[in-house]
């Protein structure tokens, strides 16, 4: 079952500002003071956001189902 909305968060304590997320999903992440910030907390499902979360070297990005909180990415 595909979620209708995802909640995207970045843990600023883990983020090292590599910019991989902003490169993978430029419409969803921006670097501010060398820390990634999601442009919107709630989004429609999009593969580029999954790619960004899976590519983060610090696993600072979490993508969850907005309805039930289930972790979608990164895969546990």
C-alpha atoms as a PDB file:
ATOM      1  CA  UNK A   1       0.000   0.000   0.000  1.00  0.00           C
ATOM      2  CA  UNK A   2       1.386   3.397  -0.984  1.00  0.00           C
ATOM      3  CA  UNK A   3       1.228   6.233   1.523  1.00  0.00           C
ATOM      4  CA  UNK A   4      -0.566   9.364   0.486  1.00  0.00           C
ATOM      5  CA  UNK A   5       1.697  11.646   2.518  1.00  0.00           C
ATOM      6  CA  UNK A   6       5.183  11.294   3.898  1.00  0.00           C
ATOM      7  CA  UNK A   7       6.744  13.184   6.799  1.00  0.00           C
ATOM      8  CA  UNK A   8      10.368  14.150   6.108  1.00  0.00           C
ATOM      9  CA  UNK A   9      12.747  15.157   8.887  1.00  0.00           C
ATOM     10  CA  UNK A  10      16.474  15.802   9.159  1.00  0.00           C
ATOM     11  CA  UNK A  11      18.305  15.319  12.452  1.00  0.00           C
ATOM     12  CA  UNK A  12      20.584  18.392  12.649  1.00  0.00           C
ATOM     13  CA  UNK A  13      22.812  16.633  15.200  1.00  0.00           C
ATOM     14  CA  UNK A  14      23.647  13.938  12.645  1.00  0.00           C
ATOM     15  CA  UNK A  15      23.747  16.008   9.448  1.00  0.00           C
ATOM     16  CA  UNK A  16      27.275  16.841   8.230  1.00  0.00           C
ATOM     17  CA  UNK A  17      26.126  19.029   5.338  1.00  0.00           C
ATOM     18  CA  UNK A  18      27.368  16.790   2.525  1.00  0.00           C
ATOM     19  CA  UNK A  19      24.637  18.109   0.212  1.00  0.00           C
ATOM     20  CA  UNK A  20      23.858  14.688  -1.225  1.00  0.00           C
ATOM     21  CA  UNK A  21      20.192  15.149  -0.323  1.00  0.00           C
ATOM     22  CA  UNK A  22      19.969  18.554  -2.016  1.00  0.00           C
ATOM     23  CA  UNK A  23      21.555  17.047  -5.118  1.00  0.00           C
ATOM     24  CA  UNK A  24      19.286  14.000  -5.153  1.00  0.00           C
ATOM     25  CA  UNK A  25      16.068  15.890  -4.365  1.00  0.00           C
ATOM     26  CA  UNK A  26      16.665  19.621  -4.932  1.00  0.00           C
ATOM     27  CA  UNK A  27      12.973  20.390  -4.701  1.00  0.00           C
ATOM     28  CA  UNK A  28      12.842  18.954  -1.184  1.00  0.00           C
ATOM     29  CA  UNK A  29      16.096  19.841   0.617  1.00  0.00           C
ATOM     30  CA  UNK A  30      18.262  22.923   1.015  1.00  0.00           C
ATOM     31  CA  UNK A  31      21.479  23.471   2.962  1.00  0.00           C
ATOM     32  CA  UNK A  32      21.395  26.289   5.507  1.00  0.00           C
ATOM     33  CA  UNK A  33      24.544  26.920   7.549  1.00  0.00           C
ATOM     34  CA  UNK A  34      25.891  23.522   6.395  1.00  0.00           C
ATOM     35  CA  UNK A  35      22.820  21.641   7.650  1.00  0.00           C
ATOM     36  CA  UNK A  36      20.122  20.126   5.468  1.00  0.00           C
ATOM     37  CA  UNK A  37      16.580  21.353   5.961  1.00  0.00           C
ATOM     38  CA  UNK A  38      13.514  19.850   4.302  1.00  0.00           C
ATOM     39  CA  UNK A  39      11.596  22.466   2.328  1.00  0.00           C
ATOM     40  CA  UNK A  40       8.309  20.859   3.399  1.00  0.00           C
ATOM     41  CA  UNK A  41       7.704  18.498   6.292  1.00  0.00           C
ATOM     42  CA  UNK A  42       4.738  16.761   4.630  1.00  0.00           C
ATOM     43  CA  UNK A  43       5.117  15.693   1.006  1.00  0.00           C
ATOM     44  CA  UNK A  44       3.537  13.476  -1.602  1.00  0.00           C
ATOM     45  CA  UNK A  45       5.544  10.269  -2.108  1.00  0.00           C
ATOM     46  CA  UNK A  46       8.517  10.775  -4.417  1.00  0.00           C
ATOM     47  CA  UNK A  47      11.376   8.439  -5.306  1.00  0.00           C
ATOM     48  CA  UNK A  48      13.997  11.210  -5.218  1.00  0.00           C
ATOM     49  CA  UNK A  49      13.321  11.722  -1.495  1.00  0.00           C
ATOM     50  CA  UNK A  50      13.835   8.010  -0.854  1.00  0.00           C
ATOM     51  CA  UNK A  51      17.094   8.210  -2.814  1.00  0.00           C
ATOM     52  CA  UNK A  52      18.196  11.168  -0.692  1.00  0.00           C
ATOM     53  CA  UNK A  53      17.412   9.372   2.570  1.00  0.00           C
ATOM     54  CA  UNK A  54      19.117   6.159   1.473  1.00  0.00           C
ATOM     55  CA  UNK A  55      22.181   8.096   0.226  1.00  0.00           C
ATOM     56  CA  UNK A  56      22.733  10.196   3.349  1.00  0.00           C
ATOM     57  CA  UNK A  57      26.100   9.082   4.782  1.00  0.00           C
ATOM     58  CA  UNK A  58      24.958   9.874   8.338  1.00  0.00           C
ATOM     59  CA  UNK A  59      21.388   8.528   8.025  1.00  0.00           C
ATOM     60  CA  UNK A  60      20.212  11.954   9.200  1.00  0.00           C
ATOM     61  CA  UNK A  61      17.101  11.912   7.002  1.00  0.00           C
ATOM     62  CA  UNK A  62      13.969  10.059   8.064  1.00  0.00           C
ATOM     63  CA  UNK A  63      10.990   9.473   5.798  1.00  0.00           C
ATOM     64  CA  UNK A  64       7.884   8.216   7.586  1.00  0.00           C
ATOM     65  CA  UNK A  65       4.307   7.493   6.674  1.00  0.00           C
ATOM     66  CA  UNK A  66       2.443  10.583   7.895  1.00  0.00           C
ATOM     67  CA  UNK A  67      -0.605   8.539   8.892  1.00  0.00           C
ATOM     68  CA  UNK A  68       0.994   5.896  11.103  1.00  0.00           C
ATOM     69  CA  UNK A  69       4.642   6.934  11.605  1.00  0.00           C
ATOM     70  CA  UNK A  70       5.999   3.814   9.900  1.00  0.00           C
ATOM     71  CA  UNK A  71       9.613   4.281   8.734  1.00  0.00           C
ATOM     72  CA  UNK A  72       9.849   4.220   4.950  1.00  0.00           C
ATOM     73  CA  UNK A  73      13.498   5.267   4.589  1.00  0.00           C
ATOM     74  CA  UNK A  74      16.223   4.653   5.303  1.00  0.00           C
ATOM     75  CA  UNK A  75      15.495   0.971   5.411  1.00  0.00           C
ATOM     76  CA  UNK A  76      16.168  -0.414   8.898  1.00  0.00           C
END
